[in-house]
């Protein structure tokens, strides 16, 4: 029987798994202790040039403590400076964000359970406004 440390994947292998998951993973915003994911779901100013558009969406931080993974989800605006800022989201837009997030989190949870042999759980209540 293998010990926990023998079952643990290297950080490089975890990064590869998350990268293969799709466009949500942001390697450059991830560190040794957490992994950053985001989704630009709703363009809020599609009349603007592509480089001048802002989006509503969600972002997610996953922490792996070796025995399990936990995540914190946030909703807000991806601004022109390239930063996420929390802000109030209308009920209709929040429903769209929730649907997108639900599809993603199912895939992430399956990957973590099957490939990493760990559980994924929410660590805090979703934050949708400041």
N, C-alpha and C. Protein backbone atom coordinates (compact mmCIF):
# COMPACT_ATOMS: atom_id res chain seq x y z
N UNK A 1 0.84 -1.19 0.00
CA UNK A 1 0.00 0.00 0.00
C UNK A 1 0.88 1.25 0.00
N UNK A 2 0.55 2.21 -0.86
CA UNK A 2 1.35 3.43 -0.97
C UNK A 2 0.98 4.42 0.12
N UNK A 3 1.97 5.19 0.56
CA UNK A 3 1.69 6.26 1.51
C UNK A 3 1.17 7.47 0.76
N UNK A 4 0.64 8.46 1.51
CA UNK A 4 0.13 9.68 0.89
C UNK A 4 1.18 10.37 0.05
N UNK A 5 2.43 10.43 0.54
CA UNK A 5 3.47 11.13 -0.21
C UNK A 5 3.79 10.41 -1.51
N UNK A 6 3.65 9.08 -1.56
CA UNK A 6 3.87 8.35 -2.80
C UNK A 6 2.75 8.60 -3.81
N UNK A 7 1.55 8.90 -3.34
CA UNK A 7 0.41 9.16 -4.21
C UNK A 7 0.36 10.60 -4.70
N UNK A 8 1.05 11.50 -4.04
CA UNK A 8 1.00 12.91 -4.39
C UNK A 8 1.65 13.16 -5.74
N UNK A 9 1.01 14.00 -6.54
CA UNK A 9 1.56 14.39 -7.82
C UNK A 9 2.50 15.58 -7.63
N UNK A 10 3.49 15.68 -8.48
CA UNK A 10 4.38 16.85 -8.44
C UNK A 10 3.61 18.09 -8.87
N UNK A 11 4.13 19.24 -8.50
CA UNK A 11 3.49 20.49 -8.91
C UNK A 11 3.44 20.59 -10.42
N UNK A 12 4.50 20.16 -11.09
CA UNK A 12 4.54 20.20 -12.55
C UNK A 12 3.45 19.35 -13.17
N UNK A 13 3.20 18.20 -12.60
CA UNK A 13 2.14 17.31 -13.10
C UNK A 13 0.76 17.92 -12.87
N UNK A 14 0.58 18.54 -11.70
CA UNK A 14 -0.69 19.21 -11.41
C UNK A 14 -0.92 20.36 -12.40
N UNK A 15 0.11 21.16 -12.65
CA UNK A 15 0.00 22.26 -13.61
C UNK A 15 -0.39 21.71 -14.98
N UNK A 16 0.20 20.62 -15.39
CA UNK A 16 -0.13 20.00 -16.69
C UNK A 16 -1.59 19.56 -16.72
N UNK A 17 -2.06 18.93 -15.67
CA UNK A 17 -3.47 18.50 -15.61
C UNK A 17 -4.40 19.70 -15.71
N UNK A 18 -4.10 20.77 -14.96
CA UNK A 18 -4.95 21.96 -14.98
C UNK A 18 -4.89 22.66 -16.34
N UNK A 19 -3.72 22.68 -16.97
CA UNK A 19 -3.58 23.29 -18.29
C UNK A 19 -4.41 22.53 -19.31
N UNK A 20 -4.39 21.21 -19.22
CA UNK A 20 -5.16 20.38 -20.15
C UNK A 20 -6.67 20.52 -19.95
N UNK A 21 -7.08 21.02 -18.80
CA UNK A 21 -8.50 21.20 -18.51
C UNK A 21 -9.14 22.24 -19.42
N UNK A 22 -8.35 23.18 -19.90
CA UNK A 22 -8.89 24.17 -20.82
C UNK A 22 -8.42 25.57 -20.51
N UNK A 23 -9.10 26.55 -21.09
CA UNK A 23 -8.62 27.93 -21.02
C UNK A 23 -8.80 28.62 -19.66
N UNK A 24 -9.34 27.95 -18.71
CA UNK A 24 -9.63 28.58 -17.42
C UNK A 24 -8.40 28.76 -16.54
N UNK A 25 -7.43 27.88 -16.66
CA UNK A 25 -6.26 27.89 -15.77
C UNK A 25 -5.28 29.00 -16.16
N UNK A 26 -4.83 29.75 -15.14
CA UNK A 26 -3.87 30.83 -15.35
C UNK A 26 -2.58 30.49 -14.62
N UNK A 27 -1.67 29.87 -15.33
CA UNK A 27 -0.42 29.41 -14.73
C UNK A 27 0.38 30.55 -14.13
N UNK A 28 0.46 31.67 -14.82
CA UNK A 28 1.28 32.79 -14.35
C UNK A 28 0.72 33.46 -13.10
N UNK A 29 -0.56 33.25 -12.82
CA UNK A 29 -1.15 33.81 -11.60
C UNK A 29 -1.21 32.78 -10.48
N UNK A 30 -0.68 31.61 -10.73
CA UNK A 30 -0.66 30.53 -9.74
C UNK A 30 0.69 30.53 -9.03
N UNK A 31 0.70 29.95 -7.84
CA UNK A 31 1.94 29.87 -7.06
C UNK A 31 2.12 28.43 -6.59
N UNK A 32 3.11 28.23 -5.75
CA UNK A 32 3.34 26.92 -5.16
C UNK A 32 2.18 26.50 -4.26
N UNK A 33 1.47 27.47 -3.68
CA UNK A 33 0.44 27.14 -2.70
C UNK A 33 -0.99 27.22 -3.23
N UNK A 34 -1.20 27.87 -4.36
CA UNK A 34 -2.55 27.90 -4.91
C UNK A 34 -2.53 28.00 -6.43
N UNK A 35 -3.69 27.64 -7.01
CA UNK A 35 -3.85 27.62 -8.46
C UNK A 35 -5.02 28.53 -8.82
N UNK A 36 -4.82 29.37 -9.83
CA UNK A 36 -5.79 30.40 -10.20
C UNK A 36 -6.49 30.04 -11.50
N UNK A 37 -7.81 30.14 -11.50
CA UNK A 37 -8.65 29.90 -12.67
C UNK A 37 -9.58 31.09 -12.83
N UNK A 38 -9.98 31.39 -14.08
CA UNK A 38 -10.98 32.42 -14.27
C UNK A 38 -11.76 32.21 -15.56
N UNK A 39 -12.85 32.95 -15.68
CA UNK A 39 -13.71 32.85 -16.85
C UNK A 39 -14.29 34.22 -17.17
N UNK A 40 -13.99 34.73 -18.36
CA UNK A 40 -14.58 35.98 -18.85
C UNK A 40 -15.89 35.61 -19.54
N UNK A 41 -16.98 35.61 -18.79
CA UNK A 41 -18.23 35.05 -19.29
C UNK A 41 -19.08 36.03 -20.08
N UNK A 42 -19.18 37.28 -19.63
CA UNK A 42 -20.10 38.23 -20.25
C UNK A 42 -19.35 39.50 -20.64
N UNK A 43 -19.31 39.79 -21.93
CA UNK A 43 -18.70 41.04 -22.39
C UNK A 43 -19.69 42.17 -22.09
N UNK A 44 -19.24 43.18 -21.36
CA UNK A 44 -20.17 44.23 -20.95
C UNK A 44 -20.09 45.47 -21.85
N UNK A 45 -19.16 45.49 -22.77
CA UNK A 45 -19.06 46.64 -23.67
C UNK A 45 -18.57 46.18 -25.05
N UNK A 46 -19.38 45.33 -25.70
CA UNK A 46 -18.98 44.74 -26.97
C UNK A 46 -18.89 45.74 -28.12
N UNK A 47 -19.32 46.98 -27.92
CA UNK A 47 -19.18 48.02 -28.93
C UNK A 47 -17.74 48.51 -29.02
N UNK A 48 -16.96 48.28 -27.98
CA UNK A 48 -15.57 48.75 -27.92
C UNK A 48 -14.66 47.85 -28.75
N UNK A 49 -13.48 48.38 -29.08
CA UNK A 49 -12.45 47.56 -29.73
C UNK A 49 -12.10 46.41 -28.80
N UNK A 50 -11.71 45.26 -29.36
CA UNK A 50 -11.41 44.10 -28.52
C UNK A 50 -10.47 44.38 -27.35
N UNK A 51 -9.46 45.19 -27.54
CA UNK A 51 -8.52 45.49 -26.46
C UNK A 51 -9.06 46.45 -25.41
N UNK A 52 -10.25 46.98 -25.64
CA UNK A 52 -10.85 47.94 -24.73
C UNK A 52 -12.11 47.42 -24.05
N UNK A 53 -12.30 46.13 -24.08
CA UNK A 53 -13.51 45.53 -23.52
C UNK A 53 -13.29 45.07 -22.09
N UNK A 54 -14.36 45.16 -21.31
CA UNK A 54 -14.39 44.62 -19.95
C UNK A 54 -15.41 43.50 -19.90
N UNK A 55 -15.25 42.64 -18.90
CA UNK A 55 -16.09 41.45 -18.82
C UNK A 55 -16.57 41.22 -17.39
N UNK A 56 -17.73 40.59 -17.28
CA UNK A 56 -18.17 40.03 -16.01
C UNK A 56 -17.80 38.56 -16.04
N UNK A 57 -17.46 38.04 -14.89
CA UNK A 57 -17.11 36.64 -14.83
C UNK A 57 -16.82 36.19 -13.43
N UNK A 58 -16.17 35.07 -13.34
CA UNK A 58 -15.81 34.51 -12.03
C UNK A 58 -14.33 34.16 -12.04
N UNK A 59 -13.77 34.11 -10.86
CA UNK A 59 -12.42 33.59 -10.69
C UNK A 59 -12.38 32.72 -9.46
N UNK A 60 -11.40 31.86 -9.45
CA UNK A 60 -11.37 30.77 -8.49
C UNK A 60 -9.93 30.53 -8.06
N UNK A 61 -9.73 30.34 -6.77
CA UNK A 61 -8.43 29.98 -6.24
C UNK A 61 -8.57 28.59 -5.61
N UNK A 62 -7.75 27.64 -6.06
CA UNK A 62 -7.75 26.28 -5.53
C UNK A 62 -6.48 26.09 -4.72
N UNK A 63 -6.66 25.64 -3.50
CA UNK A 63 -5.51 25.33 -2.63
C UNK A 63 -5.43 23.82 -2.45
N UNK A 64 -4.23 23.30 -2.60
CA UNK A 64 -3.99 21.87 -2.43
C UNK A 64 -3.14 21.70 -1.19
N UNK A 65 -3.70 21.06 -0.16
CA UNK A 65 -2.91 20.88 1.07
C UNK A 65 -2.31 19.47 1.15
N UNK A 66 -2.36 18.73 0.05
CA UNK A 66 -1.77 17.40 0.03
C UNK A 66 -2.77 16.29 0.31
N UNK A 67 -3.75 16.55 1.17
CA UNK A 67 -4.78 15.56 1.49
C UNK A 67 -6.07 15.83 0.74
N UNK A 68 -6.35 17.10 0.49
CA UNK A 68 -7.54 17.48 -0.25
C UNK A 68 -7.34 18.86 -0.86
N UNK A 69 -8.30 19.28 -1.66
CA UNK A 69 -8.25 20.60 -2.28
C UNK A 69 -9.49 21.38 -1.86
N UNK A 70 -9.31 22.66 -1.68
CA UNK A 70 -10.44 23.54 -1.39
C UNK A 70 -10.37 24.73 -2.34
N UNK A 71 -11.52 25.35 -2.54
CA UNK A 71 -11.54 26.50 -3.45
C UNK A 71 -12.35 27.64 -2.88
N UNK A 72 -12.00 28.83 -3.34
CA UNK A 72 -12.77 30.04 -3.08
C UNK A 72 -13.15 30.62 -4.44
N UNK A 73 -14.42 30.94 -4.60
CA UNK A 73 -14.92 31.52 -5.85
C UNK A 73 -15.32 32.97 -5.61
N UNK A 74 -15.06 33.79 -6.62
CA UNK A 74 -15.42 35.21 -6.57
C UNK A 74 -16.06 35.59 -7.89
N UNK A 75 -16.96 36.56 -7.85
CA UNK A 75 -17.59 37.10 -9.05
C UNK A 75 -17.23 38.57 -9.17
N UNK A 76 -17.15 39.06 -10.39
CA UNK A 76 -16.89 40.48 -10.55
C UNK A 76 -16.59 40.86 -11.98
N UNK A 77 -15.84 41.96 -12.10
CA UNK A 77 -15.51 42.55 -13.39
C UNK A 77 -14.02 42.39 -13.66
N UNK A 78 -13.73 41.99 -14.90
CA UNK A 78 -12.35 41.97 -15.37
C UNK A 78 -12.16 43.29 -16.10
N UNK A 79 -11.35 44.19 -15.51
CA UNK A 79 -11.26 45.56 -16.01
C UNK A 79 -10.17 45.73 -17.07
N UNK A 80 -10.06 46.95 -17.60
CA UNK A 80 -9.10 47.24 -18.66
C UNK A 80 -7.65 47.07 -18.20
N UNK A 81 -7.41 47.23 -16.92
CA UNK A 81 -6.06 47.06 -16.39
C UNK A 81 -5.67 45.58 -16.30
N UNK A 82 -6.63 44.68 -16.56
CA UNK A 82 -6.35 43.25 -16.49
C UNK A 82 -6.46 42.69 -15.09
N UNK A 83 -7.26 43.36 -14.25
CA UNK A 83 -7.46 42.93 -12.87
C UNK A 83 -8.92 42.55 -12.64
N UNK A 84 -9.12 41.61 -11.75
CA UNK A 84 -10.46 41.25 -11.30
C UNK A 84 -10.83 42.13 -10.12
N UNK A 85 -12.03 42.67 -10.14
CA UNK A 85 -12.54 43.45 -9.00
C UNK A 85 -13.94 42.94 -8.68
N UNK A 86 -14.19 42.72 -7.40
CA UNK A 86 -15.53 42.26 -7.01
C UNK A 86 -16.51 43.41 -7.17
N UNK A 87 -17.70 43.09 -7.59
CA UNK A 87 -18.76 44.09 -7.69
C UNK A 87 -20.11 43.38 -7.75
N UNK A 88 -21.15 44.15 -7.53
CA UNK A 88 -22.50 43.60 -7.58
C UNK A 88 -22.80 43.08 -8.98
N UNK A 89 -23.39 41.91 -9.06
CA UNK A 89 -23.77 41.29 -10.33
C UNK A 89 -25.29 41.15 -10.33
N UNK A 90 -25.93 41.56 -11.42
CA UNK A 90 -27.39 41.44 -11.51
C UNK A 90 -27.79 39.97 -11.41
N UNK A 91 -29.02 39.74 -11.02
CA UNK A 91 -29.50 38.37 -10.85
C UNK A 91 -29.42 37.57 -12.16
N UNK A 92 -29.78 38.21 -13.26
CA UNK A 92 -29.74 37.54 -14.57
C UNK A 92 -28.30 37.18 -14.94
N UNK A 93 -27.39 38.12 -14.78
CA UNK A 93 -25.98 37.84 -15.09
C UNK A 93 -25.39 36.81 -14.13
N UNK A 94 -25.78 36.88 -12.87
CA UNK A 94 -25.29 35.92 -11.88
C UNK A 94 -25.72 34.50 -12.24
N UNK A 95 -26.93 34.36 -12.75
CA UNK A 95 -27.40 33.04 -13.17
C UNK A 95 -26.52 32.50 -14.29
N UNK A 96 -26.14 33.35 -15.24
CA UNK A 96 -25.27 32.92 -16.33
C UNK A 96 -23.89 32.53 -15.79
N UNK A 97 -23.37 33.33 -14.84
CA UNK A 97 -22.07 33.01 -14.24
C UNK A 97 -22.15 31.68 -13.48
N UNK A 98 -23.23 31.49 -12.74
CA UNK A 98 -23.41 30.25 -11.98
C UNK A 98 -23.46 29.03 -12.90
N UNK A 99 -24.14 29.17 -14.04
CA UNK A 99 -24.23 28.06 -14.99
C UNK A 99 -22.85 27.71 -15.54
N UNK A 100 -22.12 28.73 -15.94
CA UNK A 100 -20.76 28.53 -16.46
C UNK A 100 -19.87 27.89 -15.40
N UNK A 101 -19.95 28.41 -14.18
CA UNK A 101 -19.13 27.89 -13.10
C UNK A 101 -19.50 26.44 -12.79
N UNK A 102 -20.79 26.15 -12.78
CA UNK A 102 -21.25 24.79 -12.49
C UNK A 102 -20.67 23.77 -13.46
N UNK A 103 -20.66 24.11 -14.74
CA UNK A 103 -20.09 23.20 -15.74
C UNK A 103 -18.59 23.01 -15.51
N UNK A 104 -17.90 24.10 -15.19
CA UNK A 104 -16.46 24.02 -14.97
C UNK A 104 -16.14 23.23 -13.70
N UNK A 105 -16.83 23.51 -12.60
CA UNK A 105 -16.46 22.90 -11.32
C UNK A 105 -16.69 21.39 -11.36
N UNK A 106 -17.68 20.94 -12.13
CA UNK A 106 -17.88 19.50 -12.28
C UNK A 106 -16.66 18.85 -12.93
N UNK A 107 -16.14 19.47 -13.96
CA UNK A 107 -14.96 18.95 -14.65
C UNK A 107 -13.73 18.99 -13.74
N UNK A 108 -13.57 20.09 -13.00
CA UNK A 108 -12.44 20.23 -12.10
C UNK A 108 -12.52 19.19 -10.98
N UNK A 109 -13.70 19.03 -10.42
CA UNK A 109 -13.89 18.06 -9.34
C UNK A 109 -13.56 16.64 -9.80
N UNK A 110 -14.02 16.29 -10.99
CA UNK A 110 -13.72 14.96 -11.54
C UNK A 110 -12.23 14.78 -11.73
N UNK A 111 -11.57 15.78 -12.29
CA UNK A 111 -10.12 15.70 -12.50
C UNK A 111 -9.39 15.50 -11.18
N UNK A 112 -9.75 16.28 -10.17
CA UNK A 112 -9.08 16.20 -8.87
C UNK A 112 -9.33 14.84 -8.21
N UNK A 113 -10.57 14.35 -8.30
CA UNK A 113 -10.88 13.05 -7.69
C UNK A 113 -10.19 11.90 -8.42
N UNK A 114 -10.21 11.91 -9.75
CA UNK A 114 -9.68 10.79 -10.52
C UNK A 114 -8.15 10.85 -10.62
N UNK A 115 -7.62 11.97 -11.02
CA UNK A 115 -6.18 12.06 -11.28
C UNK A 115 -5.35 12.33 -10.03
N UNK A 116 -5.90 13.11 -9.09
CA UNK A 116 -5.15 13.45 -7.89
C UNK A 116 -5.57 12.62 -6.69
N UNK A 117 -6.67 11.90 -6.84
CA UNK A 117 -7.23 11.06 -5.77
C UNK A 117 -7.45 11.86 -4.49
N UNK A 118 -8.05 13.05 -4.67
CA UNK A 118 -8.40 13.93 -3.55
C UNK A 118 -9.83 14.41 -3.72
N UNK A 119 -10.34 15.02 -2.68
CA UNK A 119 -11.66 15.62 -2.71
C UNK A 119 -11.52 17.13 -2.92
N UNK A 120 -12.50 17.74 -3.58
CA UNK A 120 -12.55 19.19 -3.76
C UNK A 120 -13.76 19.72 -3.02
N UNK A 121 -13.55 20.75 -2.22
CA UNK A 121 -14.66 21.34 -1.48
C UNK A 121 -14.55 22.86 -1.47
N UNK A 122 -15.70 23.51 -1.35
CA UNK A 122 -15.72 24.98 -1.24
C UNK A 122 -15.24 25.36 0.14
N UNK A 123 -14.38 26.37 0.21
CA UNK A 123 -13.87 26.78 1.52
C UNK A 123 -14.59 27.99 2.08
N UNK A 124 -15.28 28.75 1.22
CA UNK A 124 -16.00 29.93 1.69
C UNK A 124 -17.24 30.13 0.83
N UNK A 125 -18.13 30.98 1.32
CA UNK A 125 -19.32 31.35 0.57
C UNK A 125 -18.90 32.17 -0.64
N UNK A 126 -19.59 31.98 -1.75
CA UNK A 126 -19.31 32.74 -2.96
C UNK A 126 -19.46 34.22 -2.67
N UNK A 127 -18.52 35.01 -3.14
CA UNK A 127 -18.54 36.46 -2.93
C UNK A 127 -18.95 37.11 -4.26
N UNK A 128 -20.08 37.81 -4.26
CA UNK A 128 -20.51 38.44 -5.51
C UNK A 128 -20.55 39.96 -5.39
N UNK A 129 -20.32 40.50 -4.23
CA UNK A 129 -20.24 41.96 -4.12
C UNK A 129 -19.33 42.34 -2.97
N UNK A 130 -18.87 43.57 -3.01
CA UNK A 130 -17.94 44.08 -2.00
C UNK A 130 -18.69 44.36 -0.73
